[in-house]
Amino acid sequence: MINYQVLNEDHVHQLKEIDRSEEINLIYEMQEGQLTEFIAGHECPNWDSDVLDEIQERFVYEIRHGGMALGAFDGDTLVGFGVLAHQFRGDLKDQLQIDLMYVSRNYRRQGIGTRIMNELSDEARRRGAKALYISSTETESAVSFYSSQGGQLTETVDPELFKKEPLDIHMTKKL
C-alpha cells in the first residue's frame, strides 16, 4: 500500500531512492506555437550525481522558502514526489509552479502521480493560486501525463523558467 505524506528537508537524501529512468520513444519541441514530435529512441538513465545534487538543492530551496513537497512511500522507500514552488508567477501573480515531479519507474501508471498532482493542486488553491505553471520535460511521457491532468500549452511563457529550461514544454493547469 502506498502512503502519502508532506516531506521536509530531512527527506532530501531519500530523493535518490527514486528510479527516474525511462525509455524515451518520442520528444516534443515547440515550433510556431505547436507541439512537434520527434523520434528519440533512447534510454534515460537513473540519476547521475550532478543531476541528483541539482534536484536536491531545488527541493531544499523550495521547502526553506515556503514551498511544499509531497511524497509517496512504499514502506520506508520513497517512490514518488512532487514539489509545489513558493513563488507566484504569471502576469497576475496567480500561478504556482510544479517545480519537481517524479515517480519511480516500477510505480508509474498506478495513480501515484495523479494523487500527488491532486494534493499539490489543492494546496495551490489554498494558497490562492488560480493555476499551476508546469515546465515539463519534453518527453512524451511527461507531456502526456500533465495533459491528462488538465495541463494545456501556455500562451504566456514565464521568461525566467524558459531561460532555465528552454527545451521544456510550458503548460498551465487551471485550478
N, C-alpha and C. Protein backbone atom coordinates (compact mmCIF):
# COMPACT_ATOMS: atom_id res chain seq x y z
N MET A 1 0.83 -1.18 0.00
CA MET A 1 0.00 0.00 0.00
C MET A 1 0.87 1.25 0.00
N ILE A 2 0.53 2.21 -0.83
CA ILE A 2 1.29 3.45 -0.94
C ILE A 2 0.74 4.45 0.08
N ASN A 3 1.63 5.05 0.84
CA ASN A 3 1.27 6.08 1.81
C ASN A 3 1.84 7.42 1.35
N TYR A 4 1.10 8.47 1.61
CA TYR A 4 1.48 9.82 1.18
C TYR A 4 1.71 10.68 2.40
N GLN A 5 2.73 11.54 2.33
CA GLN A 5 2.97 12.47 3.42
C GLN A 5 3.71 13.70 2.91
N VAL A 6 3.52 14.79 3.65
CA VAL A 6 4.26 16.01 3.36
C VAL A 6 5.72 15.75 3.70
N LEU A 7 6.61 16.18 2.83
CA LEU A 7 8.04 15.98 3.04
C LEU A 7 8.66 17.24 3.64
N ASN A 8 9.76 17.04 4.34
CA ASN A 8 10.53 18.16 4.86
C ASN A 8 11.99 18.01 4.43
N GLU A 9 12.81 18.93 4.86
CA GLU A 9 14.22 18.92 4.45
C GLU A 9 14.92 17.61 4.77
N ASP A 10 14.51 16.97 5.86
CA ASP A 10 15.16 15.72 6.26
C ASP A 10 14.98 14.60 5.24
N HIS A 11 14.00 14.74 4.37
CA HIS A 11 13.75 13.72 3.34
C HIS A 11 14.65 13.88 2.11
N VAL A 12 15.45 14.93 2.06
CA VAL A 12 16.21 15.22 0.84
C VAL A 12 17.08 14.04 0.39
N HIS A 13 17.64 13.32 1.33
CA HIS A 13 18.53 12.21 0.96
C HIS A 13 17.77 11.01 0.42
N GLN A 14 16.44 10.99 0.60
CA GLN A 14 15.65 9.89 0.06
C GLN A 14 15.33 10.10 -1.42
N LEU A 15 15.57 11.29 -1.95
CA LEU A 15 15.28 11.52 -3.37
C LEU A 15 16.03 10.54 -4.25
N LYS A 16 17.21 10.10 -3.81
CA LYS A 16 17.99 9.15 -4.61
C LYS A 16 17.32 7.80 -4.73
N GLU A 17 16.30 7.54 -3.90
CA GLU A 17 15.57 6.27 -3.98
C GLU A 17 14.66 6.20 -5.21
N ILE A 18 14.37 7.34 -5.80
CA ILE A 18 13.53 7.39 -6.99
C ILE A 18 14.32 6.86 -8.19
N ASP A 19 13.74 5.94 -8.92
CA ASP A 19 14.34 5.46 -10.18
C ASP A 19 13.69 6.26 -11.31
N ARG A 20 14.36 7.31 -11.74
CA ARG A 20 13.77 8.18 -12.75
C ARG A 20 14.00 7.69 -14.17
N SER A 21 14.67 6.55 -14.33
CA SER A 21 15.00 6.04 -15.67
C SER A 21 13.73 5.76 -16.46
N GLU A 22 13.85 5.87 -17.78
CA GLU A 22 12.72 5.52 -18.65
C GLU A 22 13.21 5.40 -20.09
N GLU A 23 12.47 4.62 -20.86
CA GLU A 23 12.71 4.54 -22.29
C GLU A 23 11.97 5.71 -22.93
N ILE A 24 12.69 6.51 -23.69
CA ILE A 24 12.09 7.70 -24.32
C ILE A 24 11.97 7.43 -25.82
N ASN A 25 10.74 7.25 -26.26
CA ASN A 25 10.49 6.99 -27.67
C ASN A 25 10.27 8.27 -28.47
N LEU A 26 9.55 9.23 -27.86
CA LEU A 26 9.24 10.49 -28.53
C LEU A 26 9.58 11.66 -27.62
N ILE A 27 10.01 12.74 -28.25
CA ILE A 27 10.15 14.01 -27.54
C ILE A 27 9.39 15.07 -28.35
N TYR A 28 9.08 16.15 -27.68
CA TYR A 28 8.36 17.25 -28.32
C TYR A 28 9.21 18.51 -28.33
N GLU A 29 8.97 19.33 -29.33
CA GLU A 29 9.53 20.67 -29.41
C GLU A 29 8.40 21.61 -29.77
N MET A 30 8.49 22.83 -29.25
CA MET A 30 7.54 23.87 -29.64
C MET A 30 8.06 24.52 -30.92
N GLN A 31 7.24 24.52 -31.95
CA GLN A 31 7.58 25.17 -33.21
C GLN A 31 6.38 25.98 -33.66
N GLU A 32 6.54 27.29 -33.69
CA GLU A 32 5.48 28.21 -34.11
C GLU A 32 4.19 27.97 -33.33
N GLY A 33 4.34 27.80 -32.01
CA GLY A 33 3.19 27.65 -31.14
C GLY A 33 2.55 26.28 -31.14
N GLN A 34 3.13 25.32 -31.83
CA GLN A 34 2.57 23.97 -31.91
C GLN A 34 3.59 22.95 -31.42
N LEU A 35 3.07 21.88 -30.84
CA LEU A 35 3.95 20.77 -30.46
C LEU A 35 4.30 19.96 -31.70
N THR A 36 5.58 19.72 -31.88
CA THR A 36 6.05 18.86 -32.97
C THR A 36 6.79 17.70 -32.33
N GLU A 37 6.46 16.48 -32.76
CA GLU A 37 7.09 15.32 -32.14
C GLU A 37 8.24 14.81 -32.99
N PHE A 38 9.23 14.27 -32.28
CA PHE A 38 10.41 13.70 -32.90
C PHE A 38 10.70 12.36 -32.27
N ILE A 39 11.15 11.42 -33.08
CA ILE A 39 11.53 10.11 -32.55
C ILE A 39 12.83 10.27 -31.78
N ALA A 40 12.84 9.75 -30.56
CA ALA A 40 14.03 9.85 -29.72
C ALA A 40 14.74 8.50 -29.67
N GLY A 41 14.03 7.46 -29.24
CA GLY A 41 14.58 6.11 -29.21
C GLY A 41 15.82 5.94 -28.36
N HIS A 42 15.76 6.39 -27.10
CA HIS A 42 16.90 6.15 -26.22
C HIS A 42 16.42 5.95 -24.78
N GLU A 43 17.31 5.44 -23.98
CA GLU A 43 17.03 5.19 -22.57
C GLU A 43 17.57 6.36 -21.76
N CYS A 44 16.73 6.93 -20.93
CA CYS A 44 17.16 7.96 -19.98
C CYS A 44 17.65 7.21 -18.74
N PRO A 45 18.88 7.41 -18.34
CA PRO A 45 19.40 6.68 -17.18
C PRO A 45 18.86 7.23 -15.86
N ASN A 46 19.14 6.51 -14.81
CA ASN A 46 18.79 7.00 -13.48
C ASN A 46 19.69 8.19 -13.15
N TRP A 47 19.52 8.75 -11.96
CA TRP A 47 20.27 9.94 -11.56
C TRP A 47 21.78 9.76 -11.73
N ASP A 48 22.44 10.80 -12.21
CA ASP A 48 23.88 10.86 -12.01
C ASP A 48 24.08 11.85 -10.87
N SER A 49 25.27 11.91 -10.32
CA SER A 49 25.48 12.70 -9.11
C SER A 49 25.21 14.19 -9.33
N ASP A 50 25.55 14.74 -10.51
CA ASP A 50 25.31 16.16 -10.76
C ASP A 50 23.83 16.48 -10.81
N VAL A 51 23.05 15.66 -11.51
CA VAL A 51 21.61 15.89 -11.60
C VAL A 51 20.96 15.72 -10.23
N LEU A 52 21.35 14.68 -9.50
CA LEU A 52 20.80 14.46 -8.17
C LEU A 52 21.11 15.65 -7.25
N ASP A 53 22.33 16.16 -7.31
CA ASP A 53 22.69 17.33 -6.50
C ASP A 53 21.79 18.51 -6.82
N GLU A 54 21.55 18.76 -8.12
CA GLU A 54 20.69 19.88 -8.53
C GLU A 54 19.26 19.69 -8.03
N ILE A 55 18.73 18.49 -8.16
CA ILE A 55 17.37 18.20 -7.72
C ILE A 55 17.27 18.38 -6.20
N GLN A 56 18.25 17.90 -5.47
CA GLN A 56 18.24 18.04 -4.02
C GLN A 56 18.31 19.51 -3.61
N GLU A 57 19.13 20.29 -4.30
CA GLU A 57 19.23 21.73 -3.99
C GLU A 57 17.90 22.43 -4.23
N ARG A 58 17.26 22.13 -5.35
CA ARG A 58 15.95 22.74 -5.65
C ARG A 58 14.91 22.35 -4.61
N PHE A 59 14.91 21.08 -4.22
CA PHE A 59 13.99 20.57 -3.21
C PHE A 59 14.14 21.35 -1.90
N VAL A 60 15.37 21.44 -1.41
CA VAL A 60 15.63 22.14 -0.15
C VAL A 60 15.29 23.62 -0.28
N TYR A 61 15.68 24.25 -1.37
CA TYR A 61 15.41 25.67 -1.58
C TYR A 61 13.91 25.95 -1.47
N GLU A 62 13.10 25.16 -2.17
CA GLU A 62 11.65 25.40 -2.15
C GLU A 62 11.07 25.20 -0.76
N ILE A 63 11.47 24.18 -0.07
CA ILE A 63 10.94 23.95 1.28
C ILE A 63 11.35 25.09 2.21
N ARG A 64 12.60 25.52 2.13
CA ARG A 64 13.08 26.62 3.01
C ARG A 64 12.37 27.94 2.72
N HIS A 65 11.89 28.11 1.51
CA HIS A 65 11.26 29.38 1.13
C HIS A 65 9.73 29.31 1.13
N GLY A 66 9.18 28.24 1.66
CA GLY A 66 7.73 28.17 1.80
C GLY A 66 7.03 27.28 0.80
N GLY A 67 7.77 26.59 -0.05
CA GLY A 67 7.16 25.63 -0.95
C GLY A 67 6.70 24.40 -0.18
N MET A 68 6.09 23.48 -0.88
CA MET A 68 5.58 22.27 -0.23
C MET A 68 5.93 21.06 -1.07
N ALA A 69 6.34 19.99 -0.41
CA ALA A 69 6.66 18.75 -1.10
C ALA A 69 5.81 17.63 -0.54
N LEU A 70 5.36 16.76 -1.44
CA LEU A 70 4.56 15.61 -1.05
C LEU A 70 5.25 14.37 -1.58
N GLY A 71 5.34 13.36 -0.73
CA GLY A 71 5.99 12.11 -1.13
C GLY A 71 5.05 10.94 -1.06
N ALA A 72 5.33 9.94 -1.90
CA ALA A 72 4.62 8.67 -1.90
C ALA A 72 5.61 7.60 -1.46
N PHE A 73 5.21 6.80 -0.48
CA PHE A 73 6.11 5.80 0.09
C PHE A 73 5.51 4.41 -0.04
N ASP A 74 6.37 3.46 -0.41
CA ASP A 74 6.05 2.05 -0.33
C ASP A 74 6.89 1.54 0.84
N GLY A 75 6.25 1.37 1.98
CA GLY A 75 7.01 1.09 3.20
C GLY A 75 7.81 2.34 3.54
N ASP A 76 9.13 2.17 3.70
CA ASP A 76 10.00 3.30 4.01
C ASP A 76 10.66 3.88 2.76
N THR A 77 10.37 3.31 1.60
CA THR A 77 11.03 3.72 0.35
C THR A 77 10.21 4.80 -0.36
N LEU A 78 10.86 5.90 -0.68
CA LEU A 78 10.23 6.97 -1.45
C LEU A 78 10.12 6.51 -2.90
N VAL A 79 8.87 6.49 -3.42
CA VAL A 79 8.66 6.01 -4.79
C VAL A 79 8.09 7.10 -5.69
N GLY A 80 7.79 8.25 -5.13
CA GLY A 80 7.30 9.37 -5.92
C GLY A 80 7.28 10.63 -5.09
N PHE A 81 7.45 11.77 -5.75
CA PHE A 81 7.33 13.04 -5.03
C PHE A 81 7.05 14.16 -6.01
N GLY A 82 6.47 15.22 -5.48
CA GLY A 82 6.23 16.43 -6.24
C GLY A 82 6.47 17.62 -5.34
N VAL A 83 6.89 18.73 -5.95
CA VAL A 83 7.18 19.95 -5.19
C VAL A 83 6.38 21.10 -5.79
N LEU A 84 5.65 21.77 -4.92
CA LEU A 84 4.95 23.00 -5.28
C LEU A 84 5.85 24.15 -4.88
N ALA A 85 6.27 24.95 -5.87
CA ALA A 85 7.18 26.06 -5.60
C ALA A 85 6.47 27.15 -4.80
N HIS A 86 7.26 27.99 -4.16
CA HIS A 86 6.72 29.04 -3.28
C HIS A 86 6.37 30.33 -4.02
N GLN A 87 7.03 30.60 -5.13
CA GLN A 87 6.93 31.90 -5.81
C GLN A 87 5.74 31.95 -6.75
N PHE A 88 4.90 32.98 -6.58
CA PHE A 88 3.79 33.18 -7.50
C PHE A 88 4.32 33.70 -8.82
N ARG A 89 3.74 33.24 -9.91
CA ARG A 89 4.18 33.58 -11.26
C ARG A 89 3.00 34.07 -12.07
N GLY A 90 3.29 34.50 -13.31
CA GLY A 90 2.24 34.96 -14.22
C GLY A 90 2.04 36.46 -14.08
N ASP A 91 1.42 37.04 -15.10
CA ASP A 91 1.17 38.49 -15.11
C ASP A 91 0.39 38.94 -13.89
N LEU A 92 -0.54 38.10 -13.43
CA LEU A 92 -1.38 38.45 -12.28
C LEU A 92 -0.85 37.86 -10.97
N LYS A 93 0.32 37.23 -11.04
CA LYS A 93 0.92 36.57 -9.87
C LYS A 93 -0.11 35.65 -9.20
N ASP A 94 -0.76 34.84 -10.04
CA ASP A 94 -1.79 33.93 -9.54
C ASP A 94 -1.53 32.47 -9.91
N GLN A 95 -0.26 32.16 -10.24
CA GLN A 95 0.12 30.80 -10.60
C GLN A 95 1.25 30.32 -9.69
N LEU A 96 1.18 29.07 -9.29
CA LEU A 96 2.28 28.44 -8.57
C LEU A 96 2.82 27.31 -9.44
N GLN A 97 4.10 27.12 -9.40
CA GLN A 97 4.76 26.16 -10.27
C GLN A 97 4.87 24.78 -9.64
N ILE A 98 4.64 23.76 -10.46
CA ILE A 98 5.06 22.40 -10.09
C ILE A 98 6.54 22.36 -10.45
N ASP A 99 7.39 22.41 -9.43
CA ASP A 99 8.82 22.52 -9.69
C ASP A 99 9.47 21.18 -9.98
N LEU A 100 9.12 20.16 -9.24
CA LEU A 100 9.69 18.84 -9.44
C LEU A 100 8.57 17.81 -9.34
N MET A 101 8.68 16.76 -10.14
CA MET A 101 7.66 15.70 -10.10
C MET A 101 8.29 14.44 -10.67
N TYR A 102 8.41 13.41 -9.84
CA TYR A 102 8.99 12.15 -10.28
C TYR A 102 8.27 10.99 -9.62
N VAL A 103 8.09 9.92 -10.38
CA VAL A 103 7.59 8.66 -9.86
C VAL A 103 8.55 7.57 -10.36
N SER A 104 8.95 6.68 -9.46
CA SER A 104 9.88 5.61 -9.83
C SER A 104 9.32 4.74 -10.94
N ARG A 105 10.21 4.29 -11.78
CA ARG A 105 9.85 3.54 -12.99
C ARG A 105 8.86 2.41 -12.71
N ASN A 106 9.11 1.60 -11.71
CA ASN A 106 8.25 0.44 -11.44
C ASN A 106 6.93 0.80 -10.78
N TYR A 107 6.72 2.08 -10.49
CA TYR A 107 5.49 2.52 -9.82
C TYR A 107 4.63 3.42 -10.70
N ARG A 108 5.06 3.64 -11.93
CA ARG A 108 4.30 4.51 -12.83
C ARG A 108 3.01 3.82 -13.28
N ARG A 109 2.05 4.65 -13.67
CA ARG A 109 0.75 4.21 -14.18
C ARG A 109 -0.07 3.46 -13.13
N GLN A 110 0.12 3.88 -11.86
CA GLN A 110 -0.65 3.30 -10.76
C GLN A 110 -1.42 4.38 -10.00
N GLY A 111 -1.45 5.59 -10.55
CA GLY A 111 -2.20 6.66 -9.91
C GLY A 111 -1.41 7.51 -8.93
N ILE A 112 -0.14 7.20 -8.73
CA ILE A 112 0.68 7.93 -7.76
C ILE A 112 0.88 9.37 -8.21
N GLY A 113 1.26 9.57 -9.46
CA GLY A 113 1.45 10.92 -9.98
C GLY A 113 0.17 11.74 -9.92
N THR A 114 -0.94 11.10 -10.26
CA THR A 114 -2.24 11.79 -10.21
C THR A 114 -2.57 12.22 -8.78
N ARG A 115 -2.34 11.34 -7.82
CA ARG A 115 -2.61 11.69 -6.42
C ARG A 115 -1.73 12.85 -5.98
N ILE A 116 -0.46 12.82 -6.33
CA ILE A 116 0.44 13.91 -5.96
C ILE A 116 -0.02 15.21 -6.61
N MET A 117 -0.35 15.16 -7.90
CA MET A 117 -0.83 16.37 -8.58
C MET A 117 -2.10 16.91 -7.94
N ASN A 118 -3.02 16.03 -7.57
CA ASN A 118 -4.26 16.48 -6.94
C ASN A 118 -3.99 17.16 -5.60
N GLU A 119 -3.11 16.57 -4.81
CA GLU A 119 -2.77 17.16 -3.50
C GLU A 119 -2.05 18.51 -3.66
N LEU A 120 -1.14 18.58 -4.62
CA LEU A 120 -0.44 19.86 -4.85
C LEU A 120 -1.39 20.90 -5.41
N SER A 121 -2.34 20.48 -6.24
CA SER A 121 -3.35 21.40 -6.76
C SER A 121 -4.21 21.95 -5.63
N ASP A 122 -4.61 21.08 -4.71
CA ASP A 122 -5.41 21.53 -3.56
C ASP A 122 -4.63 22.53 -2.72
N GLU A 123 -3.35 22.26 -2.50
CA GLU A 123 -2.52 23.18 -1.71
C GLU A 123 -2.36 24.51 -2.43
N ALA A 124 -2.18 24.48 -3.74
CA ALA A 124 -2.06 25.72 -4.51
C ALA A 124 -3.34 26.55 -4.40
N ARG A 125 -4.49 25.89 -4.46
CA ARG A 125 -5.78 26.59 -4.29
C ARG A 125 -5.86 27.24 -2.91
N ARG A 126 -5.46 26.49 -1.88
CA ARG A 126 -5.48 27.03 -0.51
C ARG A 126 -4.61 28.27 -0.40
N ARG A 127 -3.54 28.30 -1.18
CA ARG A 127 -2.62 29.45 -1.15
C ARG A 127 -3.09 30.60 -2.03
N GLY A 128 -4.19 30.41 -2.73
CA GLY A 128 -4.76 31.47 -3.55
C GLY A 128 -4.42 31.42 -5.02
N ALA A 129 -3.77 30.36 -5.47
CA ALA A 129 -3.42 30.25 -6.89
C ALA A 129 -4.66 29.94 -7.72
N LYS A 130 -4.68 30.46 -8.93
CA LYS A 130 -5.76 30.19 -9.88
C LYS A 130 -5.32 29.15 -10.92
N ALA A 131 -4.01 28.91 -10.99
CA ALA A 131 -3.47 27.96 -11.97
C ALA A 131 -2.13 27.42 -11.49
N LEU A 132 -1.76 26.28 -12.03
CA LEU A 132 -0.41 25.74 -11.85
C LEU A 132 0.39 26.04 -13.11
N TYR A 133 1.64 26.39 -12.94
CA TYR A 133 2.55 26.57 -14.07
C TYR A 133 3.43 25.33 -14.10
N ILE A 134 3.51 24.71 -15.27
CA ILE A 134 4.25 23.46 -15.43
C ILE A 134 5.29 23.65 -16.52
N SER A 135 6.55 23.46 -16.16
CA SER A 135 7.64 23.46 -17.12
C SER A 135 8.06 22.00 -17.27
N SER A 136 7.40 21.32 -18.21
CA SER A 136 7.54 19.87 -18.36
C SER A 136 8.75 19.51 -19.21
N THR A 137 9.43 18.43 -18.82
CA THR A 137 10.45 17.92 -19.74
C THR A 137 9.76 17.61 -21.06
N GLU A 138 10.51 17.55 -22.10
CA GLU A 138 9.95 17.42 -23.46
C GLU A 138 9.58 15.99 -23.84
N THR A 139 9.67 15.06 -22.89
CA THR A 139 9.37 13.66 -23.21
C THR A 139 7.87 13.43 -23.38
N GLU A 140 7.56 12.44 -24.21
CA GLU A 140 6.17 12.08 -24.43
C GLU A 140 5.47 11.71 -23.12
N SER A 141 6.15 10.97 -22.26
CA SER A 141 5.52 10.54 -21.01
C SER A 141 5.17 11.72 -20.11
N ALA A 142 6.06 12.69 -19.99
CA ALA A 142 5.80 13.84 -19.12
C ALA A 142 4.70 14.72 -19.70
N VAL A 143 4.79 15.05 -20.98
CA VAL A 143 3.79 15.91 -21.61
C VAL A 143 2.42 15.24 -21.58
N SER A 144 2.38 13.95 -21.86
CA SER A 144 1.11 13.21 -21.82
C SER A 144 0.53 13.19 -20.41
N PHE A 145 1.38 12.99 -19.41
CA PHE A 145 0.90 12.98 -18.03
C PHE A 145 0.28 14.33 -17.67
N TYR A 146 1.02 15.41 -17.88
CA TYR A 146 0.50 16.72 -17.49
C TYR A 146 -0.75 17.09 -18.30
N SER A 147 -0.80 16.68 -19.56
CA SER A 147 -2.01 16.92 -20.36
C SER A 147 -3.20 16.16 -19.77
N SER A 148 -2.96 14.94 -19.34
CA SER A 148 -4.04 14.14 -18.76
C SER A 148 -4.53 14.72 -17.44
N GLN A 149 -3.70 15.55 -16.82
CA GLN A 149 -4.07 16.20 -15.55
C GLN A 149 -4.71 17.57 -15.76
N GLY A 150 -4.95 17.93 -17.03
CA GLY A 150 -5.58 19.22 -17.32
C GLY A 150 -4.62 20.29 -17.78
N GLY A 151 -3.35 19.95 -17.92
CA GLY A 151 -2.36 20.93 -18.40
C GLY A 151 -2.56 21.23 -19.87
N GLN A 152 -2.42 22.50 -20.20
CA GLN A 152 -2.53 22.95 -21.59
C GLN A 152 -1.36 23.86 -21.91
N LEU A 153 -0.95 23.88 -23.16
CA LEU A 153 0.13 24.76 -23.56
C LEU A 153 -0.22 26.18 -23.14
N THR A 154 0.76 26.87 -22.57
CA THR A 154 0.51 28.22 -22.11
C THR A 154 0.75 29.22 -23.23
N GLU A 155 -0.04 30.25 -23.24
CA GLU A 155 0.16 31.33 -24.21
C GLU A 155 1.22 32.30 -23.73
N THR A 156 1.45 32.35 -22.42
CA THR A 156 2.41 33.28 -21.84
C THR A 156 3.48 32.49 -21.09
N VAL A 157 4.62 32.31 -21.73
CA VAL A 157 5.72 31.54 -21.15
C VAL A 157 6.43 32.41 -20.11
N ASP A 158 6.71 31.83 -18.96
CA ASP A 158 7.45 32.53 -17.91
C ASP A 158 8.90 32.70 -18.38
N PRO A 159 9.36 33.95 -18.51
CA PRO A 159 10.71 34.16 -19.07
C PRO A 159 11.83 33.57 -18.22
N GLU A 160 11.70 33.62 -16.91
CA GLU A 160 12.75 33.07 -16.04
C GLU A 160 12.84 31.55 -16.20
N LEU A 161 11.71 30.88 -16.21
CA LEU A 161 11.71 29.43 -16.35
C LEU A 161 12.12 29.00 -17.75
N PHE A 162 11.73 29.77 -18.76
CA PHE A 162 12.13 29.46 -20.13
C PHE A 162 13.65 29.57 -20.27
N LYS A 163 14.22 30.60 -19.64
CA LYS A 163 15.67 30.78 -19.71
C LYS A 163 16.40 29.59 -19.07
N LYS A 164 15.85 29.10 -17.95
CA LYS A 164 16.46 27.96 -17.26
C LYS A 164 16.33 26.68 -18.06
N GLU A 165 15.15 26.47 -18.69
CA GLU A 165 14.87 25.21 -19.37
C GLU A 165 14.16 25.47 -20.70
N PRO A 166 14.91 25.97 -21.69
CA PRO A 166 14.28 26.38 -22.95
C PRO A 166 13.69 25.24 -23.78
N LEU A 167 14.10 24.02 -23.52
CA LEU A 167 13.54 22.88 -24.27
C LEU A 167 12.26 22.34 -23.65
N ASP A 168 11.98 22.76 -22.42
CA ASP A 168 10.79 22.27 -21.74
C ASP A 168 9.53 22.72 -22.47
N ILE A 169 8.46 21.99 -22.23
CA ILE A 169 7.14 22.33 -22.76
C ILE A 169 6.40 23.03 -21.63
N HIS A 170 6.09 24.30 -21.86
CA HIS A 170 5.49 25.15 -20.81
C HIS A 170 3.97 25.08 -20.90
N MET A 171 3.37 24.73 -19.76
CA MET A 171 1.93 24.48 -19.70
C MET A 171 1.35 25.18 -18.46
N THR A 172 0.05 25.34 -18.46
CA THR A 172 -0.66 25.76 -17.25
C THR A 172 -1.85 24.83 -17.05
N LYS A 173 -2.24 24.70 -15.81
CA LYS A 173 -3.43 23.92 -15.44
C LYS A 173 -4.30 24.84 -14.60
N LYS A 174 -5.50 25.11 -15.07
CA LYS A 174 -6.43 25.93 -14.30
C LYS A 174 -6.88 25.16 -13.08
N LEU A 175 -7.01 25.89 -11.98
CA LEU A 175 -7.45 25.26 -10.73
C LEU A 175 -8.90 25.59 -10.45
